[in-house]
């Protein structure tokens, strides 16, 4: 795959992620500059996101997510890593907002749209 094609593919994926987040009521913006190191997206109150598209996701993760909502793993002595589908993350955040009385579940997306 050529460098330009690869960059375009990555840019399209970053835009897709930003679109899903915005459709779920979150402020999100693509901040990456083509070819420069650094995070790709800023969302969730200033948290940075690295977005990578690959032809194949490691089988360990892909197989685990067939049967569960989230998959947690770590290297020995390392931090716990969580993998989940983006829609599942948005649902989890809405549930969390409702549990804390921030808003009704139906209004939780509006709360997130006000967050930076």
PDB file of N, CA and C in Angstrom:
ATOM      1  N   UNK A   1       0.850  -1.169   0.000  1.00  0.00           N
ATOM      2  CA  UNK A   1       0.000   0.000   0.000  1.00  0.00           C
ATOM      3  C   UNK A   1       0.896   1.232   0.000  1.00  0.00           C
ATOM      4  N   UNK A   2       0.587   2.193  -0.858  1.00  0.00           N
ATOM      5  CA  UNK A   2       1.409   3.391  -0.940  1.00  0.00           C
ATOM      6  C   UNK A   2       1.234   4.249   0.300  1.00  0.00           C
ATOM      7  N   UNK A   3       2.200   5.124   0.541  1.00  0.00           N
ATOM      8  CA  UNK A   3       2.137   5.993   1.704  1.00  0.00           C
ATOM      9  C   UNK A   3       0.919   6.899   1.690  1.00  0.00           C
ATOM     10  N   UNK A   4       0.612   7.487   0.535  1.00  0.00           N
ATOM     11  CA  UNK A   4      -0.547   8.390   0.440  1.00  0.00           C
ATOM     12  C   UNK A   4      -1.843   7.623   0.671  1.00  0.00           C
ATOM     13  N   UNK A   5      -1.951   6.425   0.092  1.00  0.00           N
ATOM     14  CA  UNK A   5      -3.162   5.618   0.275  1.00  0.00           C
ATOM     15  C   UNK A   5      -3.335   5.235   1.747  1.00  0.00           C
ATOM     16  N   UNK A   6      -2.239   4.874   2.396  1.00  0.00           N
ATOM     17  CA  UNK A   6      -2.276   4.494   3.805  1.00  0.00           C
ATOM     18  C   UNK A   6      -2.699   5.680   4.676  1.00  0.00           C
ATOM     19  N   UNK A   7      -2.140   6.875   4.390  1.00  0.00           N
ATOM     20  CA  UNK A   7      -2.509   8.076   5.159  1.00  0.00           C
ATOM     21  C   UNK A   7      -3.982   8.407   4.967  1.00  0.00           C
ATOM     22  N   UNK A   8      -4.463   8.297   3.723  1.00  0.00           N
ATOM     23  CA  UNK A   8      -5.877   8.582   3.456  1.00  0.00           C
ATOM     24  C   UNK A   8      -6.785   7.594   4.183  1.00  0.00           C
ATOM     25  N   UNK A   9      -6.394   6.327   4.182  1.00  0.00           N
ATOM     26  CA  UNK A   9      -7.168   5.305   4.876  1.00  0.00           C
ATOM     27  C   UNK A   9      -7.220   5.619   6.373  1.00  0.00           C
ATOM     28  N   UNK A  10      -6.089   5.993   6.954  1.00  0.00           N
ATOM     29  CA  UNK A  10      -6.038   6.355   8.367  1.00  0.00           C
ATOM     30  C   UNK A  10      -6.871   7.591   8.659  1.00  0.00           C
ATOM     31  N   UNK A  11      -6.804   8.586   7.791  1.00  0.00           N
ATOM     32  CA  UNK A  11      -7.580   9.812   7.976  1.00  0.00           C
ATOM     33  C   UNK A  11      -9.079   9.516   7.919  1.00  0.00           C
ATOM     34  N   UNK A  12      -9.487   8.667   6.978  1.00  0.00           N
ATOM     35  CA  UNK A  12     -10.903   8.294   6.882  1.00  0.00           C
ATOM     36  C   UNK A  12     -11.366   7.587   8.158  1.00  0.00           C
ATOM     37  N   UNK A  13     -10.528   6.712   8.692  1.00  0.00           N
ATOM     38  CA  UNK A  13     -10.882   6.003   9.920  1.00  0.00           C
ATOM     39  C   UNK A  13     -10.983   6.972  11.100  1.00  0.00           C
ATOM     40  N   UNK A  14     -10.037   7.890  11.207  1.00  0.00           N
ATOM     41  CA  UNK A  14     -10.098   8.891  12.278  1.00  0.00           C
ATOM     42  C   UNK A  14     -11.397   9.695  12.170  1.00  0.00           C
ATOM     43  N   UNK A  15     -11.757  10.104  10.961  1.00  0.00           N
ATOM     44  CA  UNK A  15     -13.004  10.844  10.751  1.00  0.00           C
ATOM     45  C   UNK A  15     -14.226   9.991  11.105  1.00  0.00           C
ATOM     46  N   UNK A  16     -14.157   8.700  10.814  1.00  0.00           N
ATOM     47  CA  UNK A  16     -15.248   7.784  11.165  1.00  0.00           C
ATOM     48  C   UNK A  16     -15.423   7.726  12.682  1.00  0.00           C
ATOM     49  N   UNK A  17     -14.318   7.595  13.417  1.00  0.00           N
ATOM     50  CA  UNK A  17     -14.381   7.538  14.879  1.00  0.00           C
ATOM     51  C   UNK A  17     -14.965   8.844  15.427  1.00  0.00           C
ATOM     52  N   UNK A  18     -14.490   9.984  14.930  1.00  0.00           N
ATOM     53  CA  UNK A  18     -15.012  11.279  15.370  1.00  0.00           C
ATOM     54  C   UNK A  18     -16.506  11.360  15.068  1.00  0.00           C
ATOM     55  N   UNK A  19     -16.922  10.883  13.894  1.00  0.00           N
ATOM     56  CA  UNK A  19     -18.336  10.896  13.527  1.00  0.00           C
ATOM     57  C   UNK A  19     -19.202  10.074  14.465  1.00  0.00           C
ATOM     58  N   UNK A  20     -18.728   8.894  14.842  1.00  0.00           N
ATOM     59  CA  UNK A  20     -19.487   8.041  15.771  1.00  0.00           C
ATOM     60  C   UNK A  20     -19.591   8.721  17.137  1.00  0.00           C
ATOM     61  N   UNK A  21     -18.491   9.285  17.605  1.00  0.00           N
ATOM     62  CA  UNK A  21     -18.525   9.966  18.906  1.00  0.00           C
ATOM     63  C   UNK A  21     -19.498  11.143  18.868  1.00  0.00           C
ATOM     64  N   UNK A  22     -19.432  11.947  17.824  1.00  0.00           N
ATOM     65  CA  UNK A  22     -20.339  13.095  17.712  1.00  0.00           C
ATOM     66  C   UNK A  22     -21.791  12.643  17.588  1.00  0.00           C
ATOM     67  N   UNK A  23     -22.035  11.571  16.845  1.00  0.00           N
ATOM     68  CA  UNK A  23     -23.399  11.051  16.694  1.00  0.00           C
ATOM     69  C   UNK A  23     -23.963  10.576  18.029  1.00  0.00           C
ATOM     70  N   UNK A  24     -23.068  10.218  18.948  1.00  0.00           N
ATOM     71  CA  UNK A  24     -23.487   9.787  20.282  1.00  0.00           C
ATOM     72  C   UNK A  24     -23.470  10.939  21.283  1.00  0.00           C
ATOM     73  N   UNK A  25     -23.274  12.157  20.805  1.00  0.00           N
ATOM     74  CA  UNK A  25     -23.385  13.336  21.652  1.00  0.00           C
ATOM     75  C   UNK A  25     -22.113  13.794  22.324  1.00  0.00           C
ATOM     76  N   UNK A  26     -20.959  13.297  21.914  1.00  0.00           N
ATOM     77  CA  UNK A  26     -19.698  13.684  22.529  1.00  0.00           C
ATOM     78  C   UNK A  26     -18.974  14.693  21.661  1.00  0.00           C
ATOM     79  N   UNK A  27     -18.306  15.650  22.309  1.00  0.00           N
ATOM     80  CA  UNK A  27     -17.432  16.549  21.572  1.00  0.00           C
ATOM     81  C   UNK A  27     -16.179  15.756  21.217  1.00  0.00           C
ATOM     82  N   UNK A  28     -15.814  15.818  19.963  1.00  0.00           N
ATOM     83  CA  UNK A  28     -14.630  15.102  19.501  1.00  0.00           C
ATOM     84  C   UNK A  28     -14.073  15.838  18.297  1.00  0.00           C
ATOM     85  N   UNK A  29     -12.755  15.836  18.182  1.00  0.00           N
ATOM     86  CA  UNK A  29     -12.142  16.465  17.021  1.00  0.00           C
ATOM     87  C   UNK A  29     -10.898  15.696  16.602  1.00  0.00           C
ATOM     88  N   UNK A  30     -10.689  15.668  15.319  1.00  0.00           N
ATOM     89  CA  UNK A  30      -9.487  15.059  14.762  1.00  0.00           C
ATOM     90  C   UNK A  30      -8.384  16.095  14.867  1.00  0.00           C
ATOM     91  N   UNK A  31      -7.282  15.736  15.516  1.00  0.00           N
ATOM     92  CA  UNK A  31      -6.203  16.691  15.752  1.00  0.00           C
ATOM     93  C   UNK A  31      -4.893  16.278  15.101  1.00  0.00           C
ATOM     94  N   UNK A  32      -4.860  15.115  14.479  1.00  0.00           N
ATOM     95  CA  UNK A  32      -3.599  14.624  13.920  1.00  0.00           C
ATOM     96  C   UNK A  32      -3.206  15.413  12.676  1.00  0.00           C
ATOM     97  N   UNK A  33      -1.937  15.482  12.479  1.00  0.00           N
ATOM     98  CA  UNK A  33      -1.363  16.082  11.277  1.00  0.00           C
ATOM     99  C   UNK A  33      -0.697  14.944  10.507  1.00  0.00           C
ATOM    100  N   UNK A  34      -1.002  14.849   9.248  1.00  0.00           N
ATOM    101  CA  UNK A  34      -0.497  13.746   8.421  1.00  0.00           C
ATOM    102  C   UNK A  34       1.017  13.613   8.547  1.00  0.00           C
ATOM    103  N   UNK A  35       1.431  12.420   8.897  1.00  0.00           N
ATOM    104  CA  UNK A  35       2.847  12.105   8.949  1.00  0.00           C
ATOM    105  C   UNK A  35       3.559  12.523  10.223  1.00  0.00           C
ATOM    106  N   UNK A  36       2.891  13.249  11.097  1.00  0.00           N
ATOM    107  CA  UNK A  36       3.531  13.678  12.337  1.00  0.00           C
ATOM    108  C   UNK A  36       3.137  12.759  13.480  1.00  0.00           C
ATOM    109  N   UNK A  37       4.059  12.497  14.412  1.00  0.00           N
ATOM    110  CA  UNK A  37       3.702  11.651  15.560  1.00  0.00           C
ATOM    111  C   UNK A  37       2.753  12.392  16.490  1.00  0.00           C
ATOM    112  N   UNK A  38       2.015  11.645  17.249  1.00  0.00           N
ATOM    113  CA  UNK A  38       1.102  12.230  18.218  1.00  0.00           C
ATOM    114  C   UNK A  38      -0.283  11.633  18.111  1.00  0.00           C
ATOM    115  N   UNK A  39      -1.158  12.006  19.030  1.00  0.00           N
ATOM    116  CA  UNK A  39      -2.512  11.443  19.042  1.00  0.00           C
ATOM    117  C   UNK A  39      -3.324  11.910  17.842  1.00  0.00           C
ATOM    118  N   UNK A  40      -4.392  11.168  17.563  1.00  0.00           N
ATOM    119  CA  UNK A  40      -5.223  11.438  16.392  1.00  0.00           C
ATOM    120  C   UNK A  40      -6.485  12.227  16.719  1.00  0.00           C
ATOM    121  N   UNK A  41      -7.055  11.986  17.908  1.00  0.00           N
ATOM    122  CA  UNK A  41      -8.370  12.521  18.243  1.00  0.00           C
ATOM    123  C   UNK A  41      -8.342  13.039  19.673  1.00  0.00           C
ATOM    124  N   UNK A  42      -9.090  14.111  19.910  1.00  0.00           N
ATOM    125  CA  UNK A  42      -9.278  14.636  21.259  1.00  0.00           C
ATOM    126  C   UNK A  42     -10.765  14.546  21.578  1.00  0.00           C
ATOM    127  N   UNK A  43     -11.094  13.931  22.723  1.00  0.00           N
ATOM    128  CA  UNK A  43     -12.490  13.750  23.130  1.00  0.00           C
ATOM    129  C   UNK A  43     -12.526  13.478  24.629  1.00  0.00           C
ATOM    130  N   UNK A  44     -13.732  13.278  25.164  1.00  0.00           N
ATOM    131  CA  UNK A  44     -13.923  12.876  26.558  1.00  0.00           C
ATOM    132  C   UNK A  44     -13.160  13.774  27.531  1.00  0.00           C
ATOM    133  N   UNK A  45     -13.439  15.059  27.478  1.00  0.00           N
ATOM    134  CA  UNK A  45     -12.835  15.975  28.439  1.00  0.00           C
ATOM    135  C   UNK A  45     -11.346  16.178  28.250  1.00  0.00           C
ATOM    136  N   UNK A  46     -10.885  16.165  27.022  1.00  0.00           N
ATOM    137  CA  UNK A  46      -9.473  16.422  26.748  1.00  0.00           C
ATOM    138  C   UNK A  46      -8.595  15.195  26.691  1.00  0.00           C
ATOM    139  N   UNK A  47      -9.194  14.020  26.673  1.00  0.00           N
ATOM    140  CA  UNK A  47      -8.403  12.790  26.563  1.00  0.00           C
ATOM    141  C   UNK A  47      -8.017  12.583  25.100  1.00  0.00           C
ATOM    142  N   UNK A  48      -6.827  12.065  24.907  1.00  0.00           N
ATOM    143  CA  UNK A  48      -6.317  11.849  23.555  1.00  0.00           C
ATOM    144  C   UNK A  48      -6.487  10.402  23.148  1.00  0.00           C
ATOM    145  N   UNK A  49      -6.817  10.212  21.888  1.00  0.00           N
ATOM    146  CA  UNK A  49      -7.098   8.884  21.344  1.00  0.00           C
ATOM    147  C   UNK A  49      -6.188   8.641  20.151  1.00  0.00           C
ATOM    148  N   UNK A  50      -5.595   7.488  20.111  1.00  0.00           N
ATOM    149  CA  UNK A  50      -4.840   7.014  18.947  1.00  0.00           C
ATOM    150  C   UNK A  50      -5.749   6.055  18.204  1.00  0.00           C
ATOM    151  N   UNK A  51      -6.005   6.318  16.942  1.00  0.00           N
ATOM    152  CA  UNK A  51      -6.909   5.481  16.142  1.00  0.00           C
ATOM    153  C   UNK A  51      -6.097   4.775  15.062  1.00  0.00           C
ATOM    154  N   UNK A  52      -6.159   3.474  15.053  1.00  0.00           N
ATOM    155  CA  UNK A  52      -5.426   2.681  14.061  1.00  0.00           C
ATOM    156  C   UNK A  52      -6.381   1.726  13.370  1.00  0.00           C
ATOM    157  N   UNK A  53      -6.299   1.673  12.072  1.00  0.00           N
ATOM    158  CA  UNK A  53      -7.074   0.703  11.307  1.00  0.00           C
ATOM    159  C   UNK A  53      -6.097  -0.343  10.781  1.00  0.00           C
ATOM    160  N   UNK A  54      -6.468  -1.575  10.934  1.00  0.00           N
ATOM    161  CA  UNK A  54      -5.613  -2.688  10.515  1.00  0.00           C
ATOM    162  C   UNK A  54      -6.448  -3.677   9.724  1.00  0.00           C
ATOM    163  N   UNK A  55      -5.794  -4.395   8.857  1.00  0.00           N
ATOM    164  CA  UNK A  55      -6.503  -5.423   8.097  1.00  0.00           C
ATOM    165  C   UNK A  55      -7.026  -6.498   9.040  1.00  0.00           C
ATOM    166  N   UNK A  56      -6.256  -6.805  10.072  1.00  0.00           N
ATOM    167  CA  UNK A  56      -6.673  -7.821  11.041  1.00  0.00           C
ATOM    168  C   UNK A  56      -6.418  -7.338  12.460  1.00  0.00           C
ATOM    169  N   UNK A  57      -7.395  -7.566  13.313  1.00  0.00           N
ATOM    170  CA  UNK A  57      -7.247  -7.307  14.747  1.00  0.00           C
ATOM    171  C   UNK A  57      -6.693  -8.600  15.341  1.00  0.00           C
ATOM    172  N   UNK A  58      -5.787  -8.506  16.312  1.00  0.00           N
ATOM    173  CA  UNK A  58      -5.254  -9.748  16.890  1.00  0.00           C
ATOM    174  C   UNK A  58      -6.374 -10.716  17.290  1.00  0.00           C
ATOM    175  N   UNK A  59      -6.176 -11.972  16.964  1.00  0.00           N
ATOM    176  CA  UNK A  59      -7.194 -12.991  17.192  1.00  0.00           C
ATOM    177  C   UNK A  59      -7.624 -13.064  18.652  1.00  0.00           C
ATOM    178  N   UNK A  60      -6.715 -12.852  19.576  1.00  0.00           N
ATOM    179  CA  UNK A  60      -7.038 -12.886  21.001  1.00  0.00           C
ATOM    180  C   UNK A  60      -8.175 -11.901  21.313  1.00  0.00           C
ATOM    181  N   UNK A  61      -8.079 -10.704  20.796  1.00  0.00           N
ATOM    182  CA  UNK A  61      -9.106  -9.683  21.045  1.00  0.00           C
ATOM    183  C   UNK A  61     -10.370  -9.987  20.257  1.00  0.00           C
ATOM    184  N   UNK A  62     -10.221 -10.277  18.993  1.00  0.00           N
ATOM    185  CA  UNK A  62     -11.380 -10.545  18.130  1.00  0.00           C
ATOM    186  C   UNK A  62     -12.222 -11.698  18.678  1.00  0.00           C
ATOM    187  N   UNK A  63     -11.591 -12.779  19.084  1.00  0.00           N
ATOM    188  CA  UNK A  63     -12.324 -13.927  19.617  1.00  0.00           C
ATOM    189  C   UNK A  63     -13.011 -13.592  20.937  1.00  0.00           C
ATOM    190  N   UNK A  64     -12.334 -12.849  21.800  1.00  0.00           N
ATOM    191  CA  UNK A  64     -12.915 -12.504  23.095  1.00  0.00           C
ATOM    192  C   UNK A  64     -14.158 -11.634  22.917  1.00  0.00           C
ATOM    193  N   UNK A  65     -14.126 -10.690  22.000  1.00  0.00           N
ATOM    194  CA  UNK A  65     -15.244  -9.760  21.834  1.00  0.00           C
ATOM    195  C   UNK A  65     -16.448 -10.378  21.123  1.00  0.00           C
ATOM    196  N   UNK A  66     -16.317 -11.592  20.643  1.00  0.00           N
ATOM    197  CA  UNK A  66     -17.492 -12.277  20.071  1.00  0.00           C
ATOM    198  C   UNK A  66     -18.493 -12.620  21.161  1.00  0.00           C
ATOM    199  N   UNK A  67     -18.004 -12.887  22.365  1.00  0.00           N
ATOM    200  CA  UNK A  67     -18.850 -13.411  23.434  1.00  0.00           C
ATOM    201  C   UNK A  67     -19.081 -12.452  24.596  1.00  0.00           C
ATOM    202  N   UNK A  68     -18.329 -11.346  24.674  1.00  0.00           N
ATOM    203  CA  UNK A  68     -18.431 -10.435  25.809  1.00  0.00           C
ATOM    204  C   UNK A  68     -18.454  -8.982  25.325  1.00  0.00           C
ATOM    205  N   UNK A  69     -18.836  -8.080  26.218  1.00  0.00           N
ATOM    206  CA  UNK A  69     -18.905  -6.659  25.880  1.00  0.00           C
ATOM    207  C   UNK A  69     -17.542  -5.979  25.930  1.00  0.00           C
ATOM    208  N   UNK A  70     -16.686  -6.430  26.833  1.00  0.00           N
ATOM    209  CA  UNK A  70     -15.351  -5.856  26.922  1.00  0.00           C
ATOM    210  C   UNK A  70     -14.354  -6.939  27.293  1.00  0.00           C
ATOM    211  N   UNK A  71     -13.133  -6.723  26.875  1.00  0.00           N
ATOM    212  CA  UNK A  71     -12.054  -7.672  27.090  1.00  0.00           C
ATOM    213  C   UNK A  71     -10.935  -6.927  27.803  1.00  0.00           C
ATOM    214  N   UNK A  72     -10.487  -7.453  28.936  1.00  0.00           N
ATOM    215  CA  UNK A  72      -9.391  -6.854  29.690  1.00  0.00           C
ATOM    216  C   UNK A  72      -8.196  -7.793  29.677  1.00  0.00           C
ATOM    217  N   UNK A  73      -7.026  -7.225  29.483  1.00  0.00           N
ATOM    218  CA  UNK A  73      -5.810  -8.026  29.443  1.00  0.00           C
ATOM    219  C   UNK A  73      -4.636  -7.164  29.874  1.00  0.00           C
ATOM    220  N   UNK A  74      -3.527  -7.815  30.191  1.00  0.00           N
ATOM    221  CA  UNK A  74      -2.302  -7.092  30.522  1.00  0.00           C
ATOM    222  C   UNK A  74      -1.115  -8.017  30.373  1.00  0.00           C
ATOM    223  N   UNK A  75       0.017  -7.404  30.190  1.00  0.00           N
ATOM    224  CA  UNK A  75       1.261  -8.147  30.266  1.00  0.00           C
ATOM    225  C   UNK A  75       1.584  -8.320  31.741  1.00  0.00           C
ATOM    226  N   UNK A  76       2.383  -9.309  32.070  1.00  0.00           N
ATOM    227  CA  UNK A  76       2.767  -9.510  33.472  1.00  0.00           C
ATOM    228  C   UNK A  76       3.341  -8.222  34.036  1.00  0.00           C
ATOM    229  N   UNK A  77       2.756  -7.750  35.117  1.00  0.00           N
ATOM    230  CA  UNK A  77       3.243  -6.550  35.773  1.00  0.00           C
ATOM    231  C   UNK A  77       2.861  -5.244  35.099  1.00  0.00           C
ATOM    232  N   UNK A  78       2.154  -5.299  33.984  1.00  0.00           N
ATOM    233  CA  UNK A  78       1.790  -4.090  33.252  1.00  0.00           C
ATOM    234  C   UNK A  78       0.405  -3.579  33.630  1.00  0.00           C
ATOM    235  N   UNK A  79       0.017  -2.463  33.034  1.00  0.00           N
ATOM    236  CA  UNK A  79      -1.317  -1.920  33.311  1.00  0.00           C
ATOM    237  C   UNK A  79      -2.395  -2.751  32.610  1.00  0.00           C
ATOM    238  N   UNK A  80      -3.593  -2.702  33.142  1.00  0.00           N
ATOM    239  CA  UNK A  80      -4.719  -3.402  32.520  1.00  0.00           C
ATOM    240  C   UNK A  80      -5.180  -2.604  31.308  1.00  0.00           C
ATOM    241  N   UNK A  81      -5.370  -3.288  30.207  1.00  0.00           N
ATOM    242  CA  UNK A  81      -5.834  -2.702  28.951  1.00  0.00           C
ATOM    243  C   UNK A  81      -7.259  -3.193  28.716  1.00  0.00           C
ATOM    244  N   UNK A  82      -8.128  -2.307  28.236  1.00  0.00           N
ATOM    245  CA  UNK A  82      -9.513  -2.668  27.966  1.00  0.00           C
ATOM    246  C   UNK A  82      -9.780  -2.501  26.473  1.00  0.00           C
ATOM    247  N   UNK A  83     -10.395  -3.510  25.873  1.00  0.00           N
ATOM    248  CA  UNK A  83     -10.818  -3.444  24.475  1.00  0.00           C
ATOM    249  C   UNK A  83     -12.326  -3.648  24.428  1.00  0.00           C
ATOM    250  N   UNK A  84     -13.006  -2.797  23.656  1.00  0.00           N
ATOM    251  CA  UNK A  84     -14.454  -2.924  23.479  1.00  0.00           C
ATOM    252  C   UNK A  84     -14.842  -2.198  22.204  1.00  0.00           C
ATOM    253  N   UNK A  85     -16.041  -2.494  21.715  1.00  0.00           N
ATOM    254  CA  UNK A  85     -16.540  -1.786  20.549  1.00  0.00           C
ATOM    255  C   UNK A  85     -16.910  -0.369  20.964  1.00  0.00           C
ATOM    256  N   UNK A  86     -16.733   0.589  20.064  1.00  0.00           N
ATOM    257  CA  UNK A  86     -16.982   1.993  20.369  1.00  0.00           C
ATOM    258  C   UNK A  86     -18.428   2.240  20.782  1.00  0.00           C
ATOM    259  N   UNK A  87     -19.380   1.618  20.115  1.00  0.00           N
ATOM    260  CA  UNK A  87     -20.785   1.787  20.503  1.00  0.00           C
ATOM    261  C   UNK A  87     -21.018   1.297  21.932  1.00  0.00           C
ATOM    262  N   UNK A  88     -20.342   0.242  22.318  1.00  0.00           N
ATOM    263  CA  UNK A  88     -20.455  -0.281  23.683  1.00  0.00           C
ATOM    264  C   UNK A  88     -19.901   0.732  24.684  1.00  0.00           C
ATOM    265  N   UNK A  89     -18.800   1.380  24.349  1.00  0.00           N
ATOM    266  CA  UNK A  89     -18.240   2.409  25.224  1.00  0.00           C
ATOM    267  C   UNK A  89     -19.227   3.558  25.403  1.00  0.00           C
ATOM    268  N   UNK A  90     -19.837   4.015  24.324  1.00  0.00           N
ATOM    269  CA  UNK A  90     -20.813   5.108  24.417  1.00  0.00           C
ATOM    270  C   UNK A  90     -21.997   4.695  25.286  1.00  0.00           C
ATOM    271  N   UNK A  91     -22.485   3.473  25.123  1.00  0.00           N
ATOM    272  CA  UNK A  91     -23.585   2.985  25.966  1.00  0.00           C
ATOM    273  C   UNK A  91     -23.164   2.938  27.436  1.00  0.00           C
ATOM    274  N   UNK A  92     -21.953   2.492  27.699  1.00  0.00           N
ATOM    275  CA  UNK A  92     -21.454   2.414  29.071  1.00  0.00           C
ATOM    276  C   UNK A  92     -21.368   3.804  29.697  1.00  0.00           C
ATOM    277  N   UNK A  93     -20.896   4.768  28.957  1.00  0.00           N
ATOM    278  CA  UNK A  93     -20.805   6.126  29.484  1.00  0.00           C
ATOM    279  C   UNK A  93     -22.186   6.722  29.752  1.00  0.00           C
ATOM    280  N   UNK A  94     -23.142   6.425  28.885  1.00  0.00           N
ATOM    281  CA  UNK A  94     -24.513   6.895  29.121  1.00  0.00           C
ATOM    282  C   UNK A  94     -25.099   6.248  30.371  1.00  0.00           C
ATOM    283  N   UNK A  95     -24.864   4.953  30.555  1.00  0.00           N
ATOM    284  CA  UNK A  95     -25.337   4.241  31.742  1.00  0.00           C
ATOM    285  C   UNK A  95     -24.722   4.864  32.991  1.00  0.00           C
ATOM    286  N   UNK A  96     -23.442   5.148  32.940  1.00  0.00           N
ATOM    287  CA  UNK A  96     -22.742   5.744  34.086  1.00  0.00           C
ATOM    288  C   UNK A  96     -23.337   7.109  34.429  1.00  0.00           C
ATOM    289  N   UNK A  97     -23.627   7.905  33.432  1.00  0.00           N
ATOM    290  CA  UNK A  97     -24.227   9.222  33.673  1.00  0.00           C
ATOM    291  C   UNK A  97     -25.588   9.075  34.345  1.00  0.00           C
ATOM    292  N   UNK A  98     -26.373   8.118  33.894  1.00  0.00           N
ATOM    293  CA  UNK A  98     -27.700   7.898  34.474  1.00  0.00           C
ATOM    294  C   UNK A  98     -27.592   7.395  35.914  1.00  0.00           C
ATOM    295  N   UNK A  99     -26.622   6.531  36.204  1.00  0.00           N
ATOM    296  CA  UNK A  99     -26.441   5.990  37.549  1.00  0.00           C
ATOM    297  C   UNK A  99     -26.098   7.077  38.559  1.00  0.00           C
ATOM    298  N   UNK A 100     -25.413   8.096  38.107  1.00  0.00           N
ATOM    299  CA  UNK A 100     -24.999   9.175  38.994  1.00  0.00           C
ATOM    300  C   UNK A 100     -25.995  10.323  39.027  1.00  0.00           C
ATOM    301  N   UNK A 101     -27.130  10.126  38.371  1.00  0.00           N
ATOM    302  CA  UNK A 101     -28.162  11.140  38.388  1.00  0.00           C
ATOM    303  C   UNK A 101     -27.808  12.396  37.617  1.00  0.00           C
ATOM    304  N   UNK A 102     -26.804  12.286  36.732  1.00  0.00           N
ATOM    305  CA  UNK A 102     -26.436  13.458  35.953  1.00  0.00           C
ATOM    306  C   UNK A 102     -27.595  13.870  35.059  1.00  0.00           C
ATOM    307  N   UNK A 103     -28.221  12.904  34.459  1.00  0.00           N
ATOM    308  CA  UNK A 103     -29.384  13.110  33.600  1.00  0.00           C
ATOM    309  C   UNK A 103     -30.080  11.769  33.443  1.00  0.00           C
ATOM    310  N   UNK A 104     -31.272  11.808  32.931  1.00  0.00           N
ATOM    311  CA  UNK A 104     -31.941  10.568  32.544  1.00  0.00           C
ATOM    312  C   UNK A 104     -31.138   9.955  31.407  1.00  0.00           C
ATOM    313  N   UNK A 105     -31.261   8.646  31.221  1.00  0.00           N
ATOM    314  CA  UNK A 105     -30.504   7.977  30.163  1.00  0.00           C
ATOM    315  C   UNK A 105     -30.739   8.662  28.831  1.00  0.00           C
ATOM    316  N   UNK A 106     -31.987   9.027  28.536  1.00  0.00           N
ATOM    317  CA  UNK A 106     -32.279   9.638  27.245  1.00  0.00           C
ATOM    318  C   UNK A 106     -31.625  11.005  27.097  1.00  0.00           C
ATOM    319  N   UNK A 107     -31.290  11.654  28.230  1.00  0.00           N
ATOM    320  CA  UNK A 107     -30.665  12.966  28.181  1.00  0.00           C
ATOM    321  C   UNK A 107     -29.154  12.911  28.385  1.00  0.00           C
ATOM    322  N   UNK A 108     -28.612  11.733  28.651  1.00  0.00           N
ATOM    323  CA  UNK A 108     -27.185  11.617  28.962  1.00  0.00           C
ATOM    324  C   UNK A 108     -26.319  12.070  27.799  1.00  0.00           C
ATOM    325  N   UNK A 109     -26.748  11.799  26.581  1.00  0.00           N
ATOM    326  CA  UNK A 109     -25.955  12.216  25.424  1.00  0.00           C
ATOM    327  C   UNK A 109     -25.825  13.744  25.383  1.00  0.00           C
ATOM    328  N   UNK A 110     -26.858  14.473  25.800  1.00  0.00           N
ATOM    329  CA  UNK A 110     -26.782  15.925  25.854  1.00  0.00           C
ATOM    330  C   UNK A 110     -25.753  16.381  26.863  1.00  0.00           C
ATOM    331  N   UNK A 111     -25.669  15.690  28.005  1.00  0.00           N
ATOM    332  CA  UNK A 111     -24.676  16.031  29.009  1.00  0.00           C
ATOM    333  C   UNK A 111     -23.282  15.915  28.403  1.00  0.00           C
ATOM    334  N   UNK A 112     -23.022  14.815  27.692  1.00  0.00           N
ATOM    335  CA  UNK A 112     -21.705  14.592  27.117  1.00  0.00           C
ATOM    336  C   UNK A 112     -21.379  15.630  26.043  1.00  0.00           C
ATOM    337  N   UNK A 113     -22.383  16.129  25.344  1.00  0.00           N
ATOM    338  CA  UNK A 113     -22.119  17.111  24.300  1.00  0.00           C
ATOM    339  C   UNK A 113     -21.641  18.418  24.910  1.00  0.00           C
ATOM    340  N   UNK A 114     -21.894  18.622  26.193  1.00  0.00           N
ATOM    341  CA  UNK A 114     -21.443  19.839  26.860  1.00  0.00           C
ATOM    342  C   UNK A 114     -20.037  19.693  27.432  1.00  0.00           C
ATOM    343  N   UNK A 115     -19.510  18.476  27.453  1.00  0.00           N
ATOM    344  CA  UNK A 115     -18.166  18.242  27.978  1.00  0.00           C
ATOM    345  C   UNK A 115     -17.114  18.571  26.924  1.00  0.00           C
ATOM    346  N   UNK A 116     -15.990  19.050  27.346  1.00  0.00           N
ATOM    347  CA  UNK A 116     -14.894  19.316  26.407  1.00  0.00           C
ATOM    348  C   UNK A 116     -14.002  18.113  26.357  1.00  0.00           C
TER     349      UNK A 116
END
